Protein backbone atom coordinates (compact mmCIF):
# COMPACT_ATOMS: atom_id res chain seq x y z
CA MET A 1 129.59 113.22 140.74
CA ILE A 2 127.48 109.96 140.82
CA GLU A 3 127.08 108.41 137.56
CA LEU A 4 124.45 105.47 136.94
CA PRO A 5 124.74 104.13 133.36
CA GLU A 6 121.68 101.73 133.98
CA ILE A 7 120.23 104.66 133.52
CA ASN A 8 122.05 106.95 131.59
CA ARG A 9 122.72 109.88 134.16
CA SER A 10 124.86 111.15 136.15
CA PHE A 11 124.62 113.18 139.67
CA ILE A 12 126.55 116.43 140.80
CA PHE A 13 125.45 116.71 144.28
CA HIS A 14 127.34 119.39 146.93
CA THR A 15 128.32 119.47 150.36
CA GLY A 16 126.02 118.08 152.93
CA GLN A 17 123.89 116.60 150.37
CA ILE A 18 123.08 113.08 150.94
CA VAL A 19 122.33 110.72 147.28
CA GLN A 20 120.72 107.23 148.50
CA ILE A 21 121.23 104.04 145.70
CA PRO A 22 119.08 101.61 145.05
CA SER A 23 121.15 98.48 146.01
CA ASN A 24 123.10 95.77 143.12
CA MET A 25 122.90 99.23 140.80
CA ILE A 26 126.17 99.51 139.17
CA HIS A 27 127.72 103.35 140.20
CA ARG A 28 130.88 105.12 140.12
CA VAL A 29 131.23 108.20 142.53
CA SER A 30 133.82 110.44 140.67
CA HIS A 31 135.64 113.53 140.62
CA TYR A 32 133.34 116.72 139.31
CA SER A 33 134.82 120.31 139.74
CA LYS A 34 135.40 123.46 137.40
CA THR A 35 138.05 124.21 140.31
CA ASN A 36 140.74 122.29 141.26
CA GLN A 37 139.53 121.66 144.94
CA GLN A 38 139.43 118.39 146.47
CA SER A 39 136.76 116.10 145.82
CA ARG A 40 134.95 114.60 149.69
CA TYR A 41 132.38 112.29 150.12
CA ILE A 42 131.05 110.04 153.43
CA LEU A 43 129.73 106.38 151.92
CA ILE A 44 127.47 104.89 154.59
CA GLN A 45 126.07 101.62 153.71
CA ILE A 46 122.53 99.87 155.81
CA GLY A 47 122.59 96.25 155.01
CA LYS A 48 124.01 93.84 152.29
CA PHE A 49 126.15 95.31 150.10
CA SER A 50 129.07 94.49 148.49
CA ILE A 51 132.06 96.71 147.12
CA ASP A 52 133.72 95.63 143.86
CA PHE A 53 136.27 97.69 142.11
CA ILE A 54 136.07 97.11 138.95
CA LYS A 55 137.92 99.11 136.06
CA ASP A 56 135.49 99.81 133.32
CA ASP A 57 136.33 101.92 130.51
CA ARG A 58 133.04 101.43 129.14
CA ILE A 59 131.40 103.62 132.39
CA THR A 60 132.07 107.78 130.53
CA ILE A 61 130.74 110.49 131.87
CA SER A 62 127.28 110.81 130.83
CA GLU A 63 126.69 114.14 128.79
CA ASN A 64 122.90 113.46 130.58
CA TYR A 65 124.19 114.79 134.42
CA VAL A 66 121.63 116.39 136.78
CA ASP A 67 122.78 119.03 139.23
CA ILE A 68 120.94 118.46 142.01
CA LYS A 69 121.70 121.22 144.07
CA ASP A 70 119.41 122.25 146.89
CA LYS A 71 117.45 119.49 145.82
CA LYS A 72 115.95 117.56 149.24
CA ILE A 73 116.60 113.49 148.20
CA ASN A 74 114.85 111.58 150.47
CA TYR A 75 117.13 109.03 152.17
CA TYR A 76 115.98 105.46 154.01
CA ILE A 77 117.07 103.41 156.42
CA GLY A 78 114.82 101.29 157.68
CA SER A 79 114.57 100.06 161.41
CA HIS A 80 118.40 100.86 161.11
CA GLN A 81 118.22 104.20 162.64
CA GLU A 82 119.51 102.85 166.48
CA ASN A 83 122.54 101.20 164.65
CA ILE A 84 123.43 104.67 163.36
CA LYS A 85 123.31 106.10 166.81
CA THR A 86 125.86 103.45 167.95
CA ILE A 87 128.03 103.55 165.10
CA LEU A 88 127.76 107.24 166.04
CA LEU A 89 128.33 107.20 169.78
CA TYR A 90 131.62 104.52 168.60
CA PHE A 91 132.91 107.37 166.79
CA ILE A 92 132.59 109.68 169.48
CA GLU A 93 134.60 108.68 172.10
CA ASN A 94 137.18 106.12 169.53
CA ARG A 95 138.38 108.38 167.34
CA PRO A 96 139.93 107.01 164.34
CA THR A 97 143.85 108.36 164.30
CA ASN A 98 144.18 108.15 160.75
CA LEU A 99 141.15 110.86 160.21
CA SER A 100 142.48 115.37 159.85
CA ASN A 101 140.13 117.10 162.05
CA ALA A 102 138.02 117.61 159.41
CA GLU A 103 137.54 114.50 158.20
CA TYR A 104 136.25 113.53 161.53
CA ILE A 105 133.80 116.21 161.89
CA ASN A 106 132.49 115.15 159.04
CA VAL A 107 132.09 111.68 159.61
CA LEU A 108 130.58 113.29 163.23
CA GLU A 109 128.45 115.59 161.37
CA ALA A 110 126.86 112.89 157.86
CA LEU A 111 126.16 110.58 161.10
CA ASN A 112 124.47 112.69 162.52
CA VAL A 113 122.60 113.76 160.11
CA VAL A 114 121.83 110.23 159.07
CA TYR A 115 120.56 109.71 162.30
CA LYS A 116 118.46 112.49 162.85
CA TYR A 117 116.88 112.79 159.25
CA ALA A 118 116.23 109.49 157.73
CA VAL A 119 113.61 108.57 156.45
CA LEU A 120 112.11 105.18 159.09
CA GLN A 121 111.33 102.95 156.37
CA MET A 122 112.77 99.92 154.30
CA PRO A 123 113.72 101.63 150.43
CA THR A 124 112.88 99.56 147.66
CA ASN A 125 114.95 99.97 144.54
CA ASP A 126 111.96 101.00 142.56
CA ILE A 127 111.25 104.19 145.50
CA LEU A 128 115.01 104.89 145.60
CA LEU A 129 115.02 104.21 141.47
CA GLN A 130 112.09 106.25 140.73
CA GLN A 131 113.51 109.30 143.13
CA LEU A 132 116.59 109.30 141.06
CA LYS A 133 114.78 109.90 137.72
CA ASP A 134 112.16 112.08 138.87
CA ILE A 135 114.96 114.54 139.85
């Protein structure tokens, strides 16, 4: 689940789905499952970013959540396609020893999907935010 307190919405996403958050938008990725299965996601950050891990007990899981289910959401990489290809090839040639086989395969698949199917346009925060509001 991705929680976006700024717009008071949360999104449940599933295996194989990609969700892109506007830059500088406070968000939290949390576990959401009706079973005891593990949650796992791959974070791909494009461009300038900062990660500040802030414990904020005021952020609660919004009752206003949306299950993305099988909805297609565009994701934008601008001019970074060749950078993503370089990272993908690096991971193929230099497998990290701390990843399990399943984790390694997931990373390669995620990079490959982003490389092949992303929109080659620079996203604006307005486009990304509107896309999330329209779900």
